[in-house]
């Protein structure tokens, strides 16, 4: 499953780390009826330009 996700990210030109960090932060508060927005293609269209970052990334950049 992970290999499939990584390969699909590669095909779509998406960094899998950025995608997973963002989706895992959104999934708990995202409306269930709009879950398709969190699939890779939906996410790329809606959230890729303003992805959420991890606390680790924020402290590393400081």
N, C-alpha and C. Protein backbone atom coordinates (compact mmCIF):
# COMPACT_ATOMS: atom_id res chain seq x y z
N UNK A 1 0.82 -1.18 0.00
CA UNK A 1 0.00 0.00 0.00
C UNK A 1 0.88 1.27 0.00
N UNK A 2 1.91 1.24 0.82
CA UNK A 2 2.80 2.41 0.89
C UNK A 2 3.53 2.60 -0.43
N UNK A 3 3.97 1.52 -1.01
CA UNK A 3 4.67 1.61 -2.30
C UNK A 3 3.74 2.19 -3.36
N UNK A 4 2.49 1.79 -3.34
CA UNK A 4 1.51 2.32 -4.29
C UNK A 4 1.32 3.82 -4.10
N UNK A 5 1.23 4.25 -2.85
CA UNK A 5 1.08 5.68 -2.55
C UNK A 5 2.30 6.45 -3.04
N UNK A 6 3.48 5.94 -2.76
CA UNK A 6 4.70 6.62 -3.19
C UNK A 6 4.79 6.72 -4.70
N UNK A 7 4.46 5.66 -5.39
CA UNK A 7 4.52 5.65 -6.85
C UNK A 7 3.48 6.62 -7.44
N UNK A 8 2.29 6.63 -6.86
CA UNK A 8 1.24 7.54 -7.34
C UNK A 8 1.66 8.99 -7.12
N UNK A 9 2.26 9.28 -5.98
CA UNK A 9 2.76 10.64 -5.74
C UNK A 9 3.80 11.01 -6.79
N UNK A 10 4.68 10.08 -7.09
CA UNK A 10 5.71 10.34 -8.10
C UNK A 10 5.07 10.65 -9.45
N UNK A 11 4.07 9.85 -9.83
CA UNK A 11 3.38 10.09 -11.10
C UNK A 11 2.69 11.45 -11.15
N UNK A 12 2.17 11.87 -10.02
CA UNK A 12 1.45 13.15 -9.95
C UNK A 12 2.38 14.34 -9.69
N UNK A 13 3.66 14.09 -9.45
CA UNK A 13 4.61 15.17 -9.18
C UNK A 13 4.43 15.78 -7.80
N UNK A 14 4.03 14.96 -6.83
CA UNK A 14 3.78 15.43 -5.47
C UNK A 14 4.79 14.78 -4.53
N UNK A 15 5.36 15.57 -3.63
CA UNK A 15 6.26 15.03 -2.61
C UNK A 15 5.41 14.25 -1.60
N UNK A 16 5.63 12.95 -1.46
CA UNK A 16 4.79 12.15 -0.58
C UNK A 16 4.85 12.59 0.88
N UNK A 17 5.98 13.09 1.33
CA UNK A 17 6.10 13.58 2.71
C UNK A 17 5.16 14.76 2.94
N UNK A 18 5.19 15.72 2.02
CA UNK A 18 4.33 16.91 2.15
C UNK A 18 2.86 16.50 2.12
N UNK A 19 2.51 15.59 1.21
CA UNK A 19 1.13 15.13 1.10
C UNK A 19 0.67 14.44 2.38
N UNK A 20 1.45 13.52 2.88
CA UNK A 20 1.05 12.78 4.08
C UNK A 20 0.96 13.67 5.31
N UNK A 21 1.93 14.56 5.50
CA UNK A 21 1.89 15.47 6.64
C UNK A 21 0.62 16.32 6.59
N UNK A 22 0.31 16.84 5.43
CA UNK A 22 -0.87 17.69 5.28
C UNK A 22 -2.16 16.90 5.51
N UNK A 23 -2.31 15.77 4.84
CA UNK A 23 -3.55 14.99 4.94
C UNK A 23 -3.77 14.48 6.36
N UNK A 24 -2.72 14.02 7.02
CA UNK A 24 -2.88 13.52 8.38
C UNK A 24 -3.29 14.62 9.35
N UNK A 25 -2.95 15.86 9.06
CA UNK A 25 -3.39 16.97 9.90
C UNK A 25 -4.83 17.39 9.59
N UNK A 26 -5.24 17.23 8.36
CA UNK A 26 -6.59 17.64 7.95
C UNK A 26 -7.67 16.60 8.22
N UNK A 27 -7.33 15.33 8.18
CA UNK A 27 -8.32 14.26 8.15
C UNK A 27 -9.28 14.29 9.35
N UNK A 28 -8.84 14.67 10.50
CA UNK A 28 -9.71 14.69 11.67
C UNK A 28 -10.76 15.77 11.67
N UNK A 29 -10.53 16.84 10.94
CA UNK A 29 -11.48 17.95 10.94
C UNK A 29 -12.16 18.15 9.59
N UNK A 30 -11.76 17.38 8.61
CA UNK A 30 -12.34 17.51 7.26
C UNK A 30 -13.70 16.81 7.21
N UNK A 31 -14.69 17.43 6.60
CA UNK A 31 -16.02 16.79 6.52
C UNK A 31 -15.95 15.44 5.78
N UNK A 32 -16.56 14.42 6.38
CA UNK A 32 -16.53 13.07 5.81
C UNK A 32 -17.12 13.03 4.41
N UNK A 33 -18.14 13.82 4.17
CA UNK A 33 -18.77 13.79 2.84
C UNK A 33 -17.88 14.44 1.77
N UNK A 34 -16.81 15.08 2.17
CA UNK A 34 -15.88 15.70 1.22
C UNK A 34 -14.51 15.00 1.24
N UNK A 35 -14.49 13.75 1.68
CA UNK A 35 -13.23 13.01 1.82
C UNK A 35 -12.50 12.87 0.49
N UNK A 36 -13.22 12.90 -0.62
CA UNK A 36 -12.58 12.80 -1.93
C UNK A 36 -11.58 13.94 -2.15
N UNK A 37 -11.76 15.04 -1.45
CA UNK A 37 -10.82 16.16 -1.57
C UNK A 37 -9.45 15.82 -0.99
N UNK A 38 -9.38 14.80 -0.15
CA UNK A 38 -8.11 14.41 0.46
C UNK A 38 -7.39 13.30 -0.31
N UNK A 39 -8.03 12.79 -1.36
CA UNK A 39 -7.31 11.86 -2.23
C UNK A 39 -6.22 12.65 -2.94
N UNK A 40 -5.26 11.97 -3.46
CA UNK A 40 -4.09 12.67 -4.03
C UNK A 40 -4.48 13.70 -5.09
N UNK A 41 -5.30 13.32 -6.03
CA UNK A 41 -5.67 14.27 -7.10
C UNK A 41 -6.49 15.44 -6.56
N UNK A 42 -7.42 15.16 -5.67
CA UNK A 42 -8.21 16.24 -5.07
C UNK A 42 -7.35 17.16 -4.24
N UNK A 43 -6.47 16.57 -3.46
CA UNK A 43 -5.58 17.36 -2.61
C UNK A 43 -4.66 18.24 -3.45
N UNK A 44 -4.14 17.67 -4.53
CA UNK A 44 -3.22 18.43 -5.39
C UNK A 44 -3.91 19.68 -5.95
N UNK A 45 -5.16 19.54 -6.32
CA UNK A 45 -5.91 20.67 -6.86
C UNK A 45 -6.25 21.71 -5.78
N UNK A 46 -6.66 21.24 -4.61
CA UNK A 46 -7.20 22.14 -3.59
C UNK A 46 -6.18 22.65 -2.56
N UNK A 47 -5.23 21.80 -2.18
CA UNK A 47 -4.41 22.13 -1.02
C UNK A 47 -2.90 22.19 -1.27
N UNK A 48 -2.43 21.71 -2.38
CA UNK A 48 -0.97 21.60 -2.59
C UNK A 48 -0.26 22.95 -2.47
N UNK A 49 -0.88 24.00 -2.92
CA UNK A 49 -0.24 25.32 -2.87
C UNK A 49 -0.21 25.92 -1.47
N UNK A 50 -1.01 25.37 -0.57
CA UNK A 50 -1.07 25.88 0.80
C UNK A 50 -1.11 24.72 1.79
N UNK A 51 -0.19 23.81 1.63
CA UNK A 51 -0.15 22.62 2.47
C UNK A 51 0.25 22.97 3.90
N UNK A 52 -0.27 22.19 4.83
CA UNK A 52 0.09 22.34 6.24
C UNK A 52 1.44 21.70 6.46
N UNK A 53 2.19 22.22 7.40
CA UNK A 53 3.52 21.70 7.67
C UNK A 53 3.56 21.09 9.06
N UNK A 54 4.53 20.24 9.29
CA UNK A 54 4.68 19.62 10.60
C UNK A 54 5.41 20.58 11.54
N UNK A 55 5.28 20.34 12.84
CA UNK A 55 6.02 21.14 13.82
C UNK A 55 7.52 20.96 13.62
N UNK A 56 7.92 19.76 13.22
CA UNK A 56 9.33 19.49 12.96
C UNK A 56 9.87 20.39 11.86
N UNK A 57 9.10 20.56 10.79
CA UNK A 57 9.55 21.42 9.68
C UNK A 57 9.65 22.86 10.11
N UNK A 58 8.74 23.31 10.94
CA UNK A 58 8.76 24.71 11.39
C UNK A 58 9.97 25.00 12.26
N UNK A 59 10.31 24.07 13.15
CA UNK A 59 11.46 24.31 14.03
C UNK A 59 12.77 24.18 13.27
N UNK A 60 12.80 23.33 12.27
CA UNK A 60 14.01 23.13 11.46
C UNK A 60 14.32 24.38 10.64
N UNK A 61 13.28 25.09 10.17
CA UNK A 61 13.47 26.28 9.34
C UNK A 61 13.87 27.51 10.16
N UNK A 62 13.66 27.46 11.47
CA UNK A 62 13.96 28.62 12.32
C UNK A 62 15.42 28.77 12.60
